[in-house]
C-alpha atoms as a PDB file:
ATOM      1  CA  LYS A   1      -9.594  -2.253 -31.262  1.00  0.00           C
ATOM      2  CA  LEU A   2      -9.119  -4.572 -28.287  1.00  0.00           C
ATOM      3  CA  LYS A   3      -5.516  -3.462 -27.830  1.00  0.00           C
ATOM      4  CA  ALA A   4      -6.538   0.219 -27.778  1.00  0.00           C
ATOM      5  CA  TYR A   5      -9.344  -0.518 -25.323  1.00  0.00           C
ATOM      6  CA  ASN A   6      -7.083  -2.534 -23.001  1.00  0.00           C
ATOM      7  CA  GLN A   7      -4.318   0.046 -23.163  1.00  0.00           C
ATOM      8  CA  LYS A   8      -6.737   2.853 -22.279  1.00  0.00           C
ATOM      9  CA  LYS A   9      -8.199   0.880 -19.344  1.00  0.00           C
ATOM     10  CA  ILE A  10      -4.759  -0.021 -17.999  1.00  0.00           C
ATOM     11  CA  GLU A  11      -3.511   3.557 -18.208  1.00  0.00           C
ATOM     12  CA  GLU A  12      -6.718   4.895 -16.604  1.00  0.00           C
ATOM     13  CA  SER A  13      -6.365   2.434 -13.723  1.00  0.00           C
ATOM     14  CA  GLY A  14      -3.396   4.323 -12.307  1.00  0.00           C
ATOM     15  CA  ILE A  15      -1.310   1.197 -11.752  1.00  0.00           C
ATOM     16  CA  ASP A  16       2.450   1.418 -12.025  1.00  0.00           C
ATOM     17  CA  THR A  17       3.093  -2.332 -12.382  1.00  0.00           C
ATOM     18  CA  LEU A  18       1.205  -4.973 -14.370  1.00  0.00           C
ATOM     19  CA  VAL A  19       2.025  -8.548 -13.348  1.00  0.00           C
ATOM     20  CA  SER A  20       1.079 -11.543 -15.488  1.00  0.00           C
ATOM     21  CA  SER A  21       1.425 -15.246 -14.755  1.00  0.00           C
ATOM     22  CA  CYS A  22       0.749 -16.113 -18.402  1.00  0.00           C
ATOM     23  CA  ALA A  23       3.894 -16.103 -20.547  1.00  0.00           C
ATOM     24  CA  GLU A  24       2.012 -15.057 -23.676  1.00  0.00           C
ATOM     25  CA  CYS A  25       0.073 -12.270 -21.944  1.00  0.00           C
ATOM     26  CA  PHE A  26       3.287 -11.028 -20.353  1.00  0.00           C
ATOM     27  CA  ARG A  27       5.038 -10.952 -23.726  1.00  0.00           C
ATOM     28  CA  THR A  28       2.065  -9.221 -25.375  1.00  0.00           C
ATOM     29  CA  PHE A  29       1.782  -6.483 -22.753  1.00  0.00           C
ATOM     30  CA  ALA A  30       5.561  -5.973 -22.593  1.00  0.00           C
ATOM     31  CA  ARG A  31       6.241  -5.945 -26.352  1.00  0.00           C
ATOM     32  CA  ASP A  32       3.039  -5.062 -28.190  1.00  0.00           C
ATOM     33  CA  TYR A  33       1.570  -2.392 -25.914  1.00  0.00           C
ATOM     34  CA  GLU A  34       2.938   1.087 -25.286  1.00  0.00           C
ATOM     35  CA  LEU A  35       2.087   1.386 -21.602  1.00  0.00           C
ATOM     36  CA  GLU A  36       3.611   4.662 -20.534  1.00  0.00           C
ATOM     37  CA  GLY A  37       4.629   4.607 -16.890  1.00  0.00           C
ATOM     38  CA  VAL A  38       3.565   0.982 -16.393  1.00  0.00           C
ATOM     39  CA  LYS A  39       6.191  -1.654 -15.700  1.00  0.00           C
ATOM     40  CA  VAL A  40       5.207  -5.069 -17.086  1.00  0.00           C
ATOM     41  CA  MET A  41       6.532  -8.083 -15.186  1.00  0.00           C
ATOM     42  CA  HIS A  42       6.130 -11.834 -15.160  1.00  0.00           C
ATOM     43  CA  THR A  43       5.032 -13.276 -11.830  1.00  0.00           C
ATOM     44  CA  THR A  44       8.400 -14.954 -11.257  1.00  0.00           C
ATOM     45  CA  GLU A  45      10.234 -11.640 -11.758  1.00  0.00           C
ATOM     46  CA  TYR A  46       7.814  -9.862  -9.468  1.00  0.00           C
ATOM     47  CA  LEU A  47       8.122 -12.400  -6.663  1.00  0.00           C
ATOM     48  CA  LEU A  48      11.904 -12.137  -6.733  1.00  0.00           C
ATOM     49  CA  GLU A  49      11.836  -8.342  -6.900  1.00  0.00           C
ATOM     50  CA  GLN A  50       9.548  -8.314  -3.861  1.00  0.00           C
ATOM     51  CA  GLY A  51      12.027 -10.462  -1.934  1.00  0.00           C
ATOM     52  CA  PHE A  52      10.085 -13.723  -2.009  1.00  0.00           C
ATOM     53  CA  ASP A  53      11.664 -15.821   0.737  1.00  0.00           C
ATOM     54  CA  MET A  54       9.164 -17.743   2.781  1.00  0.00           C
ATOM     55  CA  ASP A  55      11.382 -20.481   4.184  1.00  0.00           C
ATOM     56  CA  LEU A  56       9.423 -23.141   2.296  1.00  0.00           C
ATOM     57  CA  LYS A  57      10.014 -26.852   2.579  1.00  0.00           C
ATOM     58  CA  ALA A  58       8.664 -29.433   0.145  1.00  0.00           C
ATOM     59  CA  ASP A  59       8.209 -33.102   0.920  1.00  0.00           C
ATOM     60  CA  GLU A  60      11.461 -35.025   1.201  1.00  0.00           C
ATOM     61  CA  GLY A  61      12.654 -36.240  -2.201  1.00  0.00           C
ATOM     62  CA  THR A  62      10.633 -33.820  -4.330  1.00  0.00           C
ATOM     63  CA  THR A  63      12.072 -33.949  -7.839  1.00  0.00           C
ATOM     64  CA  VAL A  64      10.931 -31.452 -10.461  1.00  0.00           C
ATOM     65  CA  THR A  65      11.878 -30.376 -13.941  1.00  0.00           C
ATOM     66  CA  TYR A  66      11.078 -27.010 -15.479  1.00  0.00           C
ATOM     67  CA  HIS A  67       9.730 -26.449 -18.998  1.00  0.00           C
ATOM     68  CA  ASP A  68      10.638 -23.005 -20.339  1.00  0.00           C
ATOM     69  CA  PRO A  69       7.700 -21.609 -22.328  1.00  0.00           C
ATOM     70  CA  CYS A  70       8.654 -20.250 -25.758  1.00  0.00           C
ATOM     71  CA  ARG A  71       7.302 -16.758 -25.083  1.00  0.00           C
ATOM     72  CA  LEU A  72       8.981 -16.462 -21.695  1.00  0.00           C
ATOM     73  CA  GLY A  73      12.355 -18.065 -22.405  1.00  0.00           C
ATOM     74  CA  ARG A  74      13.288 -17.503 -26.027  1.00  0.00           C
ATOM     75  CA  GLN A  75      11.285 -14.350 -26.622  1.00  0.00           C
ATOM     76  CA  MET A  76      11.628 -12.557 -23.281  1.00  0.00           C
ATOM     77  CA  GLY A  77      14.844 -14.061 -21.902  1.00  0.00           C
ATOM     78  CA  ILE A  78      13.294 -15.079 -18.580  1.00  0.00           C
ATOM     79  CA  THR A  79      14.788 -18.448 -17.710  1.00  0.00           C
ATOM     80  CA  GLU A  80      16.591 -18.063 -14.386  1.00  0.00           C
ATOM     81  CA  GLU A  81      13.825 -16.469 -12.319  1.00  0.00           C
ATOM     82  CA  PRO A  82      11.630 -19.596 -12.050  1.00  0.00           C
ATOM     83  CA  ARG A  83      14.688 -21.677 -11.203  1.00  0.00           C
ATOM     84  CA  GLU A  84      15.794 -19.184  -8.575  1.00  0.00           C
ATOM     85  CA  LEU A  85      12.379 -19.409  -6.904  1.00  0.00           C
ATOM     86  CA  LEU A  86      12.520 -23.211  -6.934  1.00  0.00           C
ATOM     87  CA  GLY A  87      16.003 -23.049  -5.436  1.00  0.00           C
ATOM     88  CA  GLN A  88      14.505 -21.353  -2.390  1.00  0.00           C
ATOM     89  CA  VAL A  89      12.333 -24.375  -1.556  1.00  0.00           C
ATOM     90  CA  GLU A  90      14.074 -26.903   0.674  1.00  0.00           C
ATOM     91  CA  ASN A  91      13.998 -30.549  -0.479  1.00  0.00           C
ATOM     92  CA  VAL A  92      13.350 -29.628  -4.128  1.00  0.00           C
ATOM     93  CA  GLU A  93      15.750 -31.156  -6.605  1.00  0.00           C
ATOM     94  CA  LEU A  94      15.541 -29.488 -10.014  1.00  0.00           C
ATOM     95  CA  VAL A  95      16.602 -31.846 -12.803  1.00  0.00           C
ATOM     96  CA  GLU A  96      17.054 -30.075 -16.120  1.00  0.00           C
ATOM     97  CA  MET A  97      15.763 -31.542 -19.349  1.00  0.00           C
ATOM     98  CA  GLU A  98      18.227 -31.934 -22.210  1.00  0.00           C
ATOM     99  CA  HIS A  99      16.771 -28.858 -23.915  1.00  0.00           C
ATOM    100  CA  HIS A 100      16.161 -26.065 -21.419  1.00  0.00           C
ATOM    101  CA  GLY A 101      16.449 -22.319 -21.009  1.00  0.00           C
ATOM    102  CA  GLU A 102      16.524 -20.516 -24.334  1.00  0.00           C
ATOM    103  CA  ASP A 103      17.128 -23.894 -26.029  1.00  0.00           C
ATOM    104  CA  ALA A 104      13.940 -25.463 -24.631  1.00  0.00           C
ATOM    105  CA  MET A 105      11.718 -27.403 -26.987  1.00  0.00           C
ATOM    106  CA  CYS A 106       8.230 -26.084 -27.683  1.00  0.00           C
ATOM    107  CA  CYS A 107       5.331 -27.993 -26.118  1.00  0.00           C
ATOM    108  CA  GLY A 108       3.572 -27.730 -29.479  1.00  0.00           C
ATOM    109  CA  VAL A 109       0.658 -25.542 -28.447  1.00  0.00           C
ATOM    110  CA  SER A 110       1.396 -22.748 -30.962  1.00  0.00           C
ATOM    111  CA  SER A 111      -1.006 -20.096 -29.678  1.00  0.00           C
ATOM    112  CA  MET A 112      -3.753 -22.711 -29.132  1.00  0.00           C
ATOM    113  CA  MET A 113      -4.601 -22.545 -32.822  1.00  0.00           C
ATOM    114  CA  SER A 114      -4.922 -26.282 -33.302  1.00  0.00           C
ATOM    115  CA  CYS A 115      -3.765 -29.593 -31.966  1.00  0.00           C
ATOM    116  CA  ASN A 116      -2.727 -31.245 -35.209  1.00  0.00           C
ATOM    117  CA  GLU A 117      -0.236 -34.069 -35.726  1.00  0.00           C
ATOM    118  CA  ASN A 118       2.731 -31.660 -35.685  1.00  0.00           C
ATOM    119  CA  ALA A 119       1.612 -30.170 -32.366  1.00  0.00           C
ATOM    120  CA  ARG A 120       1.107 -33.652 -30.935  1.00  0.00           C
ATOM    121  CA  ALA A 121       4.580 -34.751 -32.060  1.00  0.00           C
ATOM    122  CA  LEU A 122       6.183 -31.747 -30.346  1.00  0.00           C
ATOM    123  CA  ARG A 123       4.206 -32.477 -27.190  1.00  0.00           C
ATOM    124  CA  VAL A 124       5.313 -36.124 -27.149  1.00  0.00           C
ATOM    125  CA  ASN A 125       8.951 -35.124 -27.719  1.00  0.00           C
ATOM    126  CA  ARG A 126       8.794 -32.722 -24.790  1.00  0.00           C
ATOM    127  CA  MET A 127       7.202 -35.268 -22.470  1.00  0.00           C
ATOM    128  CA  GLU A 128       9.853 -37.813 -23.431  1.00  0.00           C
ATOM    129  CA  GLU A 129      12.453 -35.348 -22.129  1.00  0.00           C
ATOM    130  CA  VAL A 130      10.441 -35.019 -18.916  1.00  0.00           C
ATOM    131  CA  ILE A 131      10.466 -38.813 -18.487  1.00  0.00           C
ATOM    132  CA  GLU A 132      14.240 -38.911 -19.055  1.00  0.00           C
ATOM    133  CA  THR A 133      14.769 -36.591 -16.062  1.00  0.00           C
ATOM    134  CA  GLY A 134      13.034 -38.990 -13.680  1.00  0.00           C
ATOM    135  CA  ALA A 135      11.137 -36.044 -12.173  1.00  0.00           C
ATOM    136  CA  ASP A 136       7.731 -36.606 -10.600  1.00  0.00           C
ATOM    137  CA  THR A 137       6.577 -33.096 -11.454  1.00  0.00           C
ATOM    138  CA  MET A 138       6.984 -30.898 -14.515  1.00  0.00           C
ATOM    139  CA  LEU A 139       6.641 -27.203 -13.802  1.00  0.00           C
ATOM    140  CA  THR A 140       6.221 -24.381 -16.286  1.00  0.00           C
ATOM    141  CA  SER A 141       5.079 -20.757 -16.415  1.00  0.00           C
ATOM    142  CA  CYS A 142       2.490 -20.979 -19.172  1.00  0.00           C
ATOM    143  CA  PRO A 143      -1.128 -22.068 -18.701  1.00  0.00           C
ATOM    144  CA  LYS A 144      -1.310 -23.120 -22.353  1.00  0.00           C
ATOM    145  CA  CYS A 145       1.699 -25.420 -21.947  1.00  0.00           C
ATOM    146  CA  VAL A 146       0.098 -26.936 -18.840  1.00  0.00           C
ATOM    147  CA  THR A 147      -3.164 -27.574 -20.692  1.00  0.00           C
ATOM    148  CA  HIS A 148      -1.522 -28.965 -23.821  1.00  0.00           C
ATOM    149  CA  LEU A 149       0.804 -31.312 -21.933  1.00  0.00           C
ATOM    150  CA  GLU A 150      -1.948 -32.397 -19.505  1.00  0.00           C
ATOM    151  CA  CYS A 151      -4.075 -33.337 -22.511  1.00  0.00           C
ATOM    152  CA  LEU A 152      -1.442 -35.886 -23.504  1.00  0.00           C
ATOM    153  CA  LYS A 153      -1.903 -37.654 -20.171  1.00  0.00           C
ATOM    154  CA  PHE A 154      -5.554 -38.295 -21.021  1.00  0.00           C
ATOM    155  CA  GLU A 155      -4.834 -39.865 -24.391  1.00  0.00           C
ATOM    156  CA  GLY A 156      -3.969 -43.231 -22.884  1.00  0.00           C
ATOM    157  CA  ASP A 157      -0.162 -43.425 -22.708  1.00  0.00           C
ATOM    158  CA  GLU A 158       0.494 -44.782 -19.216  1.00  0.00           C
ATOM    159  CA  ARG A 159       4.069 -43.438 -19.157  1.00  0.00           C
ATOM    160  CA  TYR A 160       2.749 -39.928 -18.552  1.00  0.00           C
ATOM    161  CA  GLU A 161       0.114 -40.710 -15.919  1.00  0.00           C
ATOM    162  CA  GLY A 162       2.400 -40.365 -12.902  1.00  0.00           C
ATOM    163  CA  ILE A 163       3.821 -36.993 -13.924  1.00  0.00           C
ATOM    164  CA  GLU A 164       2.190 -34.008 -12.283  1.00  0.00           C
ATOM    165  CA  ILE A 165       2.132 -30.898 -14.489  1.00  0.00           C
ATOM    166  CA  LEU A 166       1.797 -27.550 -12.713  1.00  0.00           C
ATOM    167  CA  ASP A 167       2.452 -23.871 -13.086  1.00  0.00           C
ATOM    168  CA  VAL A 168       5.505 -22.948 -11.004  1.00  0.00           C
ATOM    169  CA  VAL A 169       3.481 -20.391  -9.010  1.00  0.00           C
ATOM    170  CA  THR A 170       0.852 -23.050  -8.246  1.00  0.00           C
ATOM    171  CA  PHE A 171       3.649 -25.298  -6.980  1.00  0.00           C
ATOM    172  CA  LEU A 172       4.959 -22.493  -4.753  1.00  0.00           C
ATOM    173  CA  ALA A 173       1.422 -21.808  -3.489  1.00  0.00           C
ATOM    174  CA  GLN A 174       1.084 -25.484  -2.549  1.00  0.00           C
ATOM    175  CA  GLN A 175       4.261 -25.187  -0.488  1.00  0.00           C
ATOM    176  CA  VAL A 176       2.931 -22.034   1.200  1.00  0.00           C
ATOM    177  CA  GLU A 177      -0.328 -23.855   2.043  1.00  0.00           C
ATOM    178  CA  ALA A 178       1.607 -26.831   3.426  1.00  0.00           C
ATOM    179  CA  LYS A 179       3.680 -24.501   5.606  1.00  0.00           C
ATOM    180  CA  LYS A 180       0.535 -22.732   6.804  1.00  0.00           C
ATOM    181  CA  ALA A 181      -1.072 -26.078   7.707  1.00  0.00           C
ATOM    182  CA  GLN A 182       2.065 -27.106   9.602  1.00  0.00           C
ATOM    183  CA  VAL A 183       2.159 -23.825  11.532  1.00  0.00           C
ATOM    184  CA  GLU A 184      -1.530 -24.219  12.435  1.00  0.00           C
ATOM    185  CA  ALA A 185      -0.911 -27.806  13.563  1.00  0.00           C
ATOM    186  CA  ASP A 186       2.063 -26.673  15.656  1.00  0.00           C
ATOM    187  CA  VAL A 187      -0.057 -23.951  17.273  1.00  0.00           C
ATOM    188  CA  ARG A 188      -2.803 -26.479  18.124  1.00  0.00           C
ATOM    189  CA  VAL A 189      -0.242 -28.810  19.677  1.00  0.00           C
ATOM    190  CA  GLY A 190       1.196 -25.896  21.645  1.00  0.00           C
ATOM    191  CA  VAL A 191      -2.256 -24.874  22.864  1.00  0.00           C
ATOM    192  CA  GLU A 192      -3.149 -28.442  23.849  1.00  0.00           C
ATOM    193  CA  ALA A 193       0.121 -28.943  25.717  1.00  0.00           C
END
């Protein structure tokens, strides 16, 4: 019922492109819906298609790793787009985990059904790979992965406390905001001079 309702509303909206930042939503709309005349894209695909190039610059020495969500990488084959976006940000060093791309390990969230011992073990295994990279930040393209891995940080293991976990688009937005702040500061200095 919900699928039929959503499909009707989307088709009635008149849109020609549906963009999702959630890997599972993207996969669902792209594979499980029959959206005639509507192109379904993940945010990372869309940004690249639109020519995303904002001359961004992260803080010196920014080291990140990227966790490929199951639905986005293995099921939809989208692994290079997030990395290509990160490659456009100056000062960002991307350090790959041992298992990445279509071979990435699951974070253990399994459709948010439960957080049992098996899910926790998968989550710990994934975070161990993050630690091995030496990265300060783990990026992904799945809000469920972010939530599940963040939860581990609050369970008391100090090894995970210093690792920031963000959606890749949130990371890019932070860089855009930093650039905007720098431009505004430069304008103020220019006005004062």
